[in-house]
Structures are given as structure tokens and as C-alpha cells.
Amino acid sequence: MAVFGQQEEYKNRLDWQILRDGSIALYLRQEYLNEDADWLRQHDYQVFACDCTQWTTEEAMHTGFQRTLSFPDYYGKNADALKDCLYDLPVPETGGMALVLNRFDAYAKGTGMPLMHSKRTEAEVVLDILAGASRDFLLTGRRFLTLVQSNDPHLRFERLGGMTTQWNRREWLNKNRGV
């Protein structure tokens, strides 16, 4: 089953635009994030949100995912377990699922800092896993999006699922983020 049809009207849809750019969208302004989350809900998306300021340790981050996404009790609280549980999420065929990560910059600058023996940060690894899950769901005709809110207008992540994350359509230009 195709995730979208070939009609031109799909290209104006928020979900199509986010998926076209790699499934993860960055937001500075909370009102834009709220508007887009509301749009997704109105289009039959299940929307889940995490407060990343609570992710002060790696375990706290995993506990946040487990609580928000109802991961099973046996969730191993590591990157491999996160990947396994994300890929098992019951993403509906109608609409889809969206994960909102509020204040991801607080996590990225704290616990999500560079990993030992790696050029990547823990925050990048988490987003890369989310991008991979989205790509996997698309193969089965289901949509999984991640909306990342940051108070840092310079926040940027490279190499996520082979793509660079993009600012949302209203804050794409630097001048719209005060940069």
C-alpha cells in the first residue's frame, strides 16, 4: 500500500513535507510545533510527547521513552532495545504516529553529548534510530514522524538516516529563527 497517492494535493500536506525531508522536523517556536501537532491529530495521527529536560541521564531518557510509548517492562534501556521497541510500535495504517521531543536541545547539550570512542553524540544516535524506524514503517505503508523542539536556533544534526534534519517550513530561513 502506498503511503501517499500520486495526486498533487499530497505535496501540500504537512506529513508529506516532513517525510520528504527525512521524517524529523526541527521547531524553535512552540506555537508552530503545537499547530503542526494539532494538524497531525486532525489527520488521524496519534501524537506522543516527551519532555527532554527530564532526560538528565541515559536511563532517564530511556525511562521517558518507555513511559511515553508504553514499551514493555522488559525494555532493556539501551540503543538496541530502543530500536527494537520502536520498530514494534503499533503505528496505525490510517494517519500515523508522531513523537514530539520538547526541549531536545537541553538533552543534546547535557546527557546527549558525544559518546566515547565515537564522533556521534547520544542525541544523534537517538534521532538516527527514530529516522530508521520511520523508514522501516514507510516500507509497510505506515507513517512515523518526529517533531523536535529546541530553544537553540542553531541546533543541527547531520547524517540522520542519511539526511540532514530540516527546520520546519515556517522557520526554514535563518531570519525566521533570528539567526
Protein backbone atom coordinates (compact mmCIF):
# COMPACT_ATOMS: atom_id res chain seq x y z
CA MET A 1 0.00 0.00 0.00
CA ALA A 2 1.33 3.43 -0.89
CA VAL A 3 1.75 5.89 1.95
CA PHE A 4 0.57 8.71 -0.31
CA GLY A 5 -1.13 8.77 -3.68
CA GLN A 6 0.23 10.49 -6.76
CA GLN A 7 -2.18 13.41 -6.57
CA GLU A 8 -0.61 16.85 -6.37
CA GLU A 9 -2.65 17.69 -3.24
CA TYR A 10 -0.50 15.38 -1.12
CA LYS A 11 2.52 17.60 -1.65
CA ASN A 12 0.84 20.34 0.38
CA ARG A 13 0.26 18.06 3.36
CA LEU A 14 2.39 18.57 6.45
CA ASP A 15 3.18 14.88 6.85
CA TRP A 16 4.31 14.57 3.22
CA GLN A 17 6.62 17.58 3.63
CA ILE A 18 8.20 16.19 6.81
CA LEU A 19 8.67 12.72 5.34
CA ARG A 20 10.12 14.17 2.14
CA ASP A 21 12.86 15.76 4.24
CA GLY A 22 13.68 12.65 6.24
CA SER A 23 10.90 12.23 8.87
CA ILE A 24 12.35 14.58 11.53
CA ALA A 25 11.45 18.28 11.69
CA LEU A 26 13.02 20.87 13.99
CA TYR A 27 11.00 23.62 15.70
CA LEU A 28 12.08 26.71 17.59
CA ARG A 29 8.67 28.27 18.23
CA GLN A 30 6.33 26.25 20.42
CA GLU A 31 3.26 27.71 18.68
CA TYR A 32 4.39 26.26 15.32
CA LEU A 33 5.02 22.89 16.93
CA ASN A 34 1.58 23.00 18.59
CA GLU A 35 -0.13 23.95 15.30
CA ASP A 36 1.57 21.09 13.47
CA ALA A 37 0.82 18.58 16.25
CA ASP A 38 -2.83 19.69 16.09
CA TRP A 39 -2.83 19.25 12.30
CA LEU A 40 -1.49 15.73 12.73
CA ARG A 41 -4.16 14.88 15.30
CA GLN A 42 -6.85 16.21 12.95
CA HIS A 43 -5.47 13.87 10.28
CA ASP A 44 -5.74 10.76 12.48
CA TYR A 45 -2.21 10.74 13.88
CA GLN A 46 -1.52 9.50 17.38
CA VAL A 47 0.74 12.16 18.93
CA PHE A 48 3.01 11.38 21.88
CA ALA A 49 5.24 13.91 23.66
CA CYS A 50 8.38 13.72 25.80
CA ASP A 51 9.83 16.46 27.99
CA CYS A 52 13.54 16.11 27.25
CA THR A 53 14.54 18.42 30.13
CA GLN A 54 13.85 15.37 32.32
CA TRP A 55 16.45 13.33 30.44
CA THR A 56 19.33 14.09 32.81
CA THR A 57 20.81 10.60 32.47
CA GLU A 58 20.77 7.95 29.77
CA GLU A 59 18.47 5.85 31.95
CA ALA A 60 16.08 8.81 32.41
CA MET A 61 15.92 9.19 28.61
CA HIS A 62 15.08 5.51 28.18
CA THR A 63 12.53 5.67 31.02
CA GLY A 64 10.93 8.64 29.24
CA PHE A 65 10.60 6.66 26.01
CA GLN A 66 9.32 3.62 27.90
CA ARG A 67 6.64 5.61 29.73
CA THR A 68 5.57 7.73 26.74
CA LEU A 69 5.43 4.94 24.17
CA SER A 70 4.29 2.15 26.54
CA PHE A 71 7.34 -0.03 25.98
CA PRO A 72 7.14 -3.39 27.78
CA ASP A 73 8.59 -3.96 31.26
CA TYR A 74 11.45 -5.98 29.79
CA TYR A 75 12.68 -2.95 27.77
CA GLY A 76 16.49 -3.11 28.05
CA LYS A 77 17.07 0.67 28.20
CA ASN A 78 19.85 0.81 25.63
CA ALA A 79 20.11 1.84 21.97
CA ASP A 80 19.47 -1.66 20.62
CA ALA A 81 16.40 -2.11 22.83
CA LEU A 82 15.13 1.33 21.79
CA LYS A 83 15.43 0.34 18.15
CA ASP A 84 13.69 -2.99 18.73
CA CYS A 85 10.79 -1.46 20.67
CA LEU A 86 10.32 1.42 18.21
CA TYR A 87 10.09 -0.99 15.31
CA ASP A 88 7.38 -2.89 17.21
CA LEU A 89 5.16 0.16 17.82
CA PRO A 90 1.56 -0.26 16.64
CA VAL A 91 1.67 2.56 14.08
CA PRO A 92 -1.80 2.72 12.51
CA GLU A 93 -2.26 2.45 8.75
CA THR A 94 -4.68 5.39 8.77
CA GLY A 95 -2.98 8.62 9.77
CA GLY A 96 0.15 7.55 11.58
CA MET A 97 2.14 8.24 14.71
CA ALA A 98 4.16 11.31 15.71
CA LEU A 99 6.63 11.69 18.54
CA VAL A 100 7.21 15.21 19.90
CA LEU A 101 10.52 15.81 21.68
CA ASN A 102 10.17 19.06 23.64
CA ARG A 103 13.38 20.90 24.60
CA PHE A 104 15.59 18.35 22.85
CA ASP A 105 18.39 20.94 22.98
CA ALA A 106 18.56 20.55 26.78
CA TYR A 107 19.15 16.82 26.34
CA ALA A 108 21.53 17.26 23.39
CA LYS A 109 23.73 19.68 25.35
CA GLY A 110 23.62 17.61 28.53
CA THR A 111 23.36 13.84 28.68
CA GLY A 112 23.14 13.58 24.89
CA MET A 113 26.73 14.80 24.42
CA PRO A 114 29.45 12.92 22.46
CA LEU A 115 29.81 9.22 23.05
CA MET A 116 33.20 7.80 23.99
CA HIS A 117 35.07 6.34 21.01
CA SER A 118 32.63 7.91 18.56
CA LYS A 119 32.24 11.11 16.55
CA ARG A 120 28.48 10.98 17.16
CA THR A 121 26.52 12.24 20.13
CA GLU A 122 23.96 10.22 22.04
CA ALA A 123 21.35 12.71 20.81
CA GLU A 124 22.31 11.99 17.18
CA VAL A 125 22.14 8.25 17.79
CA VAL A 126 18.62 8.59 19.26
CA LEU A 127 17.42 10.67 16.30
CA ASP A 128 19.09 8.29 13.85
CA ILE A 129 17.21 5.38 15.44
CA LEU A 130 13.94 7.34 15.13
CA ALA A 131 14.70 8.12 11.46
CA GLY A 132 15.43 4.45 10.80
CA ALA A 133 12.17 3.41 12.43
CA SER A 134 10.29 5.88 10.23
CA ARG A 135 11.92 4.50 7.10
CA ASP A 136 11.04 0.95 8.19
CA PHE A 137 7.40 1.90 8.78
CA LEU A 138 7.20 3.56 5.36
CA LEU A 139 8.13 0.23 3.78
CA THR A 140 4.93 -1.21 5.22
CA GLY A 141 2.73 1.77 4.32
CA ARG A 142 2.74 3.42 7.75
CA ARG A 143 3.88 6.91 8.79
CA PHE A 144 6.06 7.69 11.82
CA LEU A 145 7.24 11.28 12.33
CA THR A 146 9.43 13.01 14.91
CA LEU A 147 8.94 16.69 15.78
CA VAL A 148 11.93 18.08 17.68
CA GLN A 149 11.54 21.34 19.60
CA SER A 150 14.66 23.30 20.54
CA ASN A 151 15.25 26.65 22.19
CA ASP A 152 18.58 26.81 20.32
CA PRO A 153 18.04 28.22 16.81
CA HIS A 154 21.46 26.86 15.76
CA LEU A 155 20.66 23.24 16.61
CA ARG A 156 21.52 20.96 13.71
CA PHE A 157 22.02 17.25 13.23
CA GLU A 158 23.84 15.67 10.32
CA ARG A 159 23.73 12.14 8.98
CA LEU A 160 20.35 11.06 10.31
CA GLY A 161 19.12 8.23 8.19
CA GLY A 162 21.47 9.59 5.53
CA MET A 163 19.81 13.02 5.63
CA THR A 164 20.34 16.31 7.44
CA THR A 165 17.41 17.40 9.60
CA GLN A 166 15.50 20.39 8.30
CA TRP A 167 13.78 23.21 10.13
CA ASN A 168 10.02 23.22 9.66
CA ARG A 169 8.54 25.09 6.70
CA ARG A 170 7.95 28.35 8.64
CA GLU A 171 11.37 28.51 10.31
CA TRP A 172 13.45 27.12 7.45
CA LEU A 173 15.02 30.52 6.70
CA ASN A 174 17.62 31.64 9.27
CA LYS A 175 15.97 35.08 9.52
CA ASN A 176 12.77 33.40 10.75
CA ARG A 177 14.73 31.98 13.68
CA GLY A 178 16.51 35.28 14.43
CA VAL A 179 19.83 33.92 13.14
